[in-house]
Structures are given as structure tokens and as C-alpha cells.
Amino acid sequence: MATRYFISLPDTDKVRASGEFAFISQGAGGLASELQQALRDTALFERWRATQEEPDEVDPSLGATDPAAIVTGAMQHHDIRLVATTTLPGEVFKQRLRLLAGSHWELRDVRSA
């Protein structure tokens, strides 16, 4: 069953400066596209895993993907809002978002899709 996550990015400058794997896009559409790609394939996970002390010991379930994941983005007031619809477990979804945005994101709501 798919879940819909409503995310707020209140400070995109902090988001883009949040680390080695941070978002690089400027606008809502680009950020949505980057998150969507991170959910659909293993490229971000594999880059992160390669930086771990023992890459072969990383829990392989963290590399799960959802080829049908959809993420949309819009500017709302002074922050960017993303809506991600995916079948990935919450733990995997949040791990990918932490890689991309560090701690500079807010989970606003979660609903069944």
C-alpha cells in the first residue's frame, strides 16, 4: 500500500548545504525530481553506502526502491512543499530524505495514498 508524505523545506539554503549527498536544485520542481529519483533507484543509496566504514555490512533493506514513486513540489509562502507518494517503508523514505536534506525538513503529514 502506498503512503503519501507531506514535507516542508523551510530553508533551502540550509538544505543544499546539509552534506555530501545534499539536494543541489534551486526550485521546487528540481528538489521534487531529485527526491523522486532517490526513491526510484539505488544510486543515492549506493553512493552513501560506499562511504560507510563497512559497506558490505549495511542493511540491504535500506537500498529498497519504488520505481513508481511520485514526488511533486510547490513553493508555498516562503518554503517549499514536497508531496511524495511511495510504497517504501517509512524508515527507508526518511533515510533518503535525511541524506538529501539533513535535518532541515519537516514531516507535515502522512496519509494512505
Protein backbone atom coordinates (compact mmCIF):
# COMPACT_ATOMS: atom_id res chain seq x y z
CA MET A 1 0.00 0.00 0.00
CA ALA A 2 1.30 3.44 -0.90
CA THR A 3 1.80 6.23 1.60
CA ARG A 4 1.73 9.95 0.90
CA TYR A 5 4.26 12.09 2.81
CA PHE A 6 3.83 15.86 3.06
CA ILE A 7 7.22 17.51 3.57
CA SER A 8 8.18 21.13 4.20
CA LEU A 9 11.64 22.54 3.39
CA PRO A 10 11.64 25.89 5.20
CA ASP A 11 15.22 26.93 4.36
CA THR A 12 16.54 25.63 1.05
CA ASP A 13 19.96 27.24 1.59
CA LYS A 14 20.44 25.02 4.65
CA VAL A 15 19.04 22.03 2.74
CA ARG A 16 21.59 22.42 -0.06
CA ALA A 17 24.40 22.84 2.48
CA SER A 18 23.42 19.80 4.54
CA GLY A 19 26.22 17.49 3.47
CA GLU A 20 27.86 15.38 0.85
CA PHE A 21 24.61 14.00 -0.55
CA ALA A 22 22.52 17.19 -0.29
CA PHE A 23 19.99 18.44 -2.80
CA ILE A 24 21.55 20.63 -5.48
CA SER A 25 18.44 22.02 -7.19
CA GLN A 26 17.14 25.53 -6.58
CA GLY A 27 13.40 25.25 -7.18
CA ALA A 28 10.53 23.10 -6.00
CA GLY A 29 10.38 21.10 -9.24
CA GLY A 30 14.08 20.27 -9.15
CA LEU A 31 14.01 19.25 -5.49
CA ALA A 32 10.96 17.05 -6.16
CA SER A 33 12.73 15.44 -9.09
CA GLU A 34 15.84 14.70 -7.03
CA LEU A 35 13.82 13.08 -4.24
CA GLN A 36 11.77 11.11 -6.75
CA GLN A 37 14.95 9.75 -8.35
CA ALA A 38 16.34 8.84 -4.91
CA LEU A 39 13.21 6.80 -4.20
CA ARG A 40 13.07 5.14 -7.62
CA ASP A 41 16.64 3.86 -7.93
CA THR A 42 19.61 2.87 -5.80
CA ALA A 43 22.14 5.50 -6.97
CA LEU A 44 21.94 7.71 -3.85
CA PHE A 45 21.89 4.69 -1.54
CA GLU A 46 24.93 3.17 -3.26
CA ARG A 47 26.88 6.45 -3.07
CA TRP A 48 26.09 6.68 0.66
CA ARG A 49 26.85 3.01 1.29
CA ALA A 50 30.28 3.37 -0.34
CA THR A 51 31.21 5.98 2.29
CA GLN A 52 30.42 3.69 5.21
CA GLU A 53 33.23 2.06 7.18
CA GLU A 54 31.92 -1.42 6.36
CA PRO A 55 29.80 -1.05 3.20
CA ASP A 56 29.08 -4.77 2.99
CA GLU A 57 27.54 -4.68 6.47
CA VAL A 58 24.95 -2.01 5.64
CA ASP A 59 21.43 -3.37 5.97
CA PRO A 60 20.43 -4.18 2.37
CA SER A 61 16.79 -3.33 3.11
CA LEU A 62 17.84 0.35 3.20
CA GLY A 63 18.51 0.03 -0.55
CA ALA A 64 14.88 -0.73 -1.38
CA THR A 65 13.39 1.18 -4.30
CA ASP A 66 9.96 2.11 -5.59
CA PRO A 67 10.10 2.59 -9.38
CA ALA A 68 6.57 4.05 -9.27
CA ALA A 69 7.30 6.70 -6.59
CA ILE A 70 5.96 10.15 -7.45
CA VAL A 71 7.09 13.42 -5.88
CA THR A 72 5.63 16.83 -6.61
CA GLY A 73 6.87 20.17 -5.35
CA ALA A 74 5.47 23.67 -4.96
CA MET A 75 6.51 26.94 -3.40
CA GLN A 76 4.16 27.86 -0.57
CA HIS A 77 4.69 31.10 1.33
CA HIS A 78 8.43 31.13 2.00
CA ASP A 79 9.15 27.42 1.93
CA ILE A 80 9.00 24.53 -0.48
CA ARG A 81 6.43 21.79 -0.01
CA LEU A 82 7.00 18.31 -1.37
CA VAL A 83 4.42 15.55 -1.59
CA ALA A 84 5.89 12.08 -2.03
CA THR A 85 3.79 9.02 -2.78
CA THR A 86 5.64 5.75 -2.35
CA THR A 87 5.36 2.16 -1.20
CA LEU A 88 8.76 2.33 0.51
CA PRO A 89 8.80 1.77 4.28
CA GLY A 90 8.92 4.97 6.34
CA GLU A 91 12.41 4.15 7.62
CA VAL A 92 13.79 3.98 4.08
CA PHE A 93 11.93 7.11 2.97
CA LYS A 94 13.23 9.12 5.93
CA GLN A 95 16.79 7.86 5.45
CA ARG A 96 16.80 9.08 1.84
CA LEU A 97 15.36 12.43 2.85
CA ARG A 98 17.96 12.83 5.61
CA LEU A 99 20.71 12.17 3.06
CA LEU A 100 19.29 14.85 0.76
CA ALA A 101 18.16 17.47 3.30
CA GLY A 102 19.95 16.66 6.55
CA SER A 103 17.75 17.72 9.44
CA HIS A 104 16.35 20.71 7.54
CA TRP A 105 12.96 19.24 6.66
CA GLU A 106 9.65 18.85 8.42
CA LEU A 107 7.21 16.00 8.08
CA ARG A 108 3.88 17.83 7.98
CA ASP A 109 1.50 14.90 7.46
CA VAL A 110 1.33 11.24 6.44
CA ARG A 111 -1.68 9.64 4.76
CA SER A 112 -2.62 6.48 2.92
CA ALA A 113 -2.48 7.10 -0.80
